[in-house]
Amino acid sequence: MKKLLNYWIIGITLLGSFEMARADAPYVRVSATPDKLDLGTVLFVDEELPEVLKVKVESNCLHGPVVASITPFKDSHGGTILPERISIQTAATGDFIPMIKPVVISEQAIGSHDILVKFKVNVDFTARAGKYSGNIVFTVMPPY
């Protein structure tokens, strides 16, 4: 006696959840080069430093202003250079602006562009010599 076996082959394809950027999906990316910045040696009060930071804004849409903020610069011995002693200059600021509060370094724009950021540090005679480190944060605001 023959047994009739029916095989149903059901192919199930499981698709993993993934997100793929469409060509028309709006995006904004910010990067800076170099990723570590050596501001050199500050010998004089209110000295413009030679190193320039290039901030690259990549976008396919309208985005708001780019704002820079900075943390205090600290050394390993407890010395601090406060943000108000650090100034930055871009095409949008014109002059050097102290980093007392966040500074707009680029106006609202459509598409990609580069921002060149120059630095100036105003040290007093109480600041000790040494290697200081801190962070610069770039924030893209919503368009207005």
Protein backbone atom coordinates (compact mmCIF):
# COMPACT_ATOMS: atom_id res chain seq x y z
CA MET A 1 0.00 0.00 0.00
CA LYS A 2 1.27 3.31 -1.00
CA LYS A 3 1.09 6.20 1.25
CA LEU A 4 0.59 9.48 -0.35
CA LEU A 5 2.48 12.19 1.35
CA ASN A 6 1.80 15.72 0.55
CA TYR A 7 4.51 18.10 1.33
CA TRP A 8 3.67 21.66 1.60
CA ILE A 9 6.72 23.69 1.44
CA ILE A 10 6.13 27.03 2.81
CA GLY A 11 8.92 29.42 2.43
CA ILE A 12 8.94 32.02 5.08
CA THR A 13 11.27 34.84 4.62
CA LEU A 14 11.95 36.82 7.72
CA LEU A 15 13.02 40.30 7.03
CA GLY A 16 15.05 41.92 9.71
CA SER A 17 14.01 45.35 10.75
CA PHE A 18 16.25 47.88 9.11
CA GLU A 19 16.09 51.49 8.22
CA MET A 20 17.36 52.71 4.93
CA ALA A 21 17.75 56.38 4.20
CA ARG A 22 15.79 57.40 1.17
CA ALA A 23 17.29 59.92 -1.15
CA ASP A 24 14.58 62.40 -0.19
CA ALA A 25 14.77 61.83 3.59
CA PRO A 26 16.09 65.00 5.24
CA TYR A 27 19.38 64.69 7.12
CA VAL A 28 21.93 66.91 8.84
CA ARG A 29 25.40 65.71 9.94
CA VAL A 30 28.10 67.72 11.67
CA SER A 31 31.75 66.76 11.90
CA ALA A 32 34.93 68.62 12.75
CA THR A 33 38.51 68.20 11.62
CA PRO A 34 40.86 67.70 13.19
CA ASP A 35 39.04 65.70 15.88
CA LYS A 36 41.65 66.81 18.43
CA LEU A 37 42.84 70.38 18.33
CA ASP A 38 46.22 71.51 19.57
CA LEU A 39 45.84 75.17 20.41
CA GLY A 40 49.58 75.49 20.81
CA THR A 41 51.36 77.58 23.40
CA VAL A 42 49.80 80.77 24.65
CA LEU A 43 52.55 83.20 25.53
CA PHE A 44 50.74 86.52 25.49
CA VAL A 45 47.45 87.80 26.82
CA ASP A 46 44.61 87.56 24.27
CA GLU A 47 46.69 85.75 21.66
CA GLU A 48 45.16 84.43 18.42
CA LEU A 49 46.10 80.80 18.03
CA PRO A 50 47.39 79.33 14.76
CA GLU A 51 45.20 76.20 14.65
CA VAL A 52 41.91 76.45 12.71
CA LEU A 53 39.04 74.02 13.20
CA LYS A 54 36.98 73.08 10.13
CA VAL A 55 33.36 72.26 10.96
CA LYS A 56 31.60 70.44 8.11
CA VAL A 57 27.81 70.58 7.98
CA GLU A 58 26.36 68.03 5.55
CA SER A 59 22.68 68.46 4.80
CA ASN A 60 20.09 68.00 2.08
CA CYS A 61 17.54 70.29 3.70
CA LEU A 62 17.00 73.58 5.46
CA HIS A 63 18.60 73.58 8.89
CA GLY A 64 18.81 76.18 11.62
CA PRO A 65 21.88 77.98 12.92
CA VAL A 66 24.92 76.06 14.16
CA VAL A 67 25.82 76.95 17.74
CA ALA A 68 29.14 76.30 19.49
CA SER A 69 29.53 75.86 23.23
CA ILE A 70 32.61 74.97 25.22
CA THR A 71 33.51 73.38 28.55
CA PRO A 72 36.16 74.86 30.83
CA PHE A 73 39.68 73.76 29.88
CA LYS A 74 41.30 71.88 32.77
CA ASP A 75 44.78 70.61 33.46
CA SER A 76 45.87 67.64 35.56
CA HIS A 77 46.82 69.88 38.52
CA GLY A 78 43.40 71.50 38.96
CA GLY A 79 44.07 74.59 36.87
CA THR A 80 41.15 75.90 34.80
CA ILE A 81 40.71 78.24 31.85
CA LEU A 82 37.07 79.33 31.90
CA PRO A 83 34.99 79.58 28.69
CA GLU A 84 34.83 83.39 28.96
CA ARG A 85 38.62 83.45 28.45
CA ILE A 86 38.27 81.53 25.17
CA SER A 87 36.99 83.40 22.11
CA ILE A 88 36.07 82.10 18.66
CA GLN A 89 35.72 83.74 15.26
CA THR A 90 33.89 82.59 12.13
CA ALA A 91 32.56 84.33 9.04
CA ALA A 92 29.19 84.62 10.85
CA THR A 93 30.64 86.25 14.00
CA GLY A 94 32.96 88.69 12.23
CA ASP A 95 35.02 89.43 15.35
CA PHE A 96 36.21 87.16 18.13
CA ILE A 97 33.35 86.40 20.53
CA PRO A 98 33.99 85.19 24.11
CA MET A 99 32.42 81.82 24.88
CA ILE A 100 30.58 83.10 27.97
CA LYS A 101 27.47 81.53 26.48
CA PRO A 102 26.87 79.47 23.30
CA VAL A 103 27.81 81.36 20.13
CA VAL A 104 26.07 81.17 16.73
CA ILE A 105 28.82 80.26 14.27
CA SER A 106 26.63 79.82 11.17
CA GLU A 107 23.23 81.14 10.21
CA GLN A 108 20.30 79.09 8.96
CA ALA A 109 21.17 77.47 5.61
CA ILE A 110 20.04 75.02 2.96
CA GLY A 111 22.47 72.25 2.06
CA SER A 112 26.06 71.52 3.01
CA HIS A 113 28.73 74.04 3.96
CA ASP A 114 31.99 74.39 5.88
CA ILE A 115 32.69 76.69 8.82
CA LEU A 116 36.24 77.72 9.71
CA VAL A 117 36.65 78.45 13.42
CA LYS A 118 39.60 80.45 14.79
CA PHE A 119 40.47 80.61 18.49
CA LYS A 120 41.87 83.18 20.87
CA VAL A 121 42.74 82.52 24.51
CA ASN A 122 43.04 85.26 27.09
CA VAL A 123 45.15 83.99 29.96
CA ASP A 124 46.21 85.93 33.00
CA PHE A 125 49.39 85.60 35.02
CA THR A 126 47.74 83.24 37.51
CA ALA A 127 47.18 80.54 34.87
CA ARG A 128 49.81 77.90 35.29
CA ALA A 129 51.68 76.39 32.40
CA GLY A 130 50.57 72.94 31.36
CA LYS A 131 48.44 70.84 29.09
CA TYR A 132 44.74 71.73 29.24
CA SER A 133 41.85 69.83 27.75
CA GLY A 134 38.16 70.54 27.22
CA ASN A 135 35.30 69.93 24.81
CA ILE A 136 33.67 71.98 22.09
CA VAL A 137 30.08 71.02 21.25
CA PHE A 138 28.40 71.98 17.96
CA THR A 139 24.60 71.96 17.91
CA VAL A 140 22.39 72.39 14.84
CA MET A 141 19.26 74.26 15.88
CA PRO A 142 15.86 73.91 14.17
CA PRO A 143 15.17 76.37 11.36
CA TYR A 144 13.19 79.47 12.20
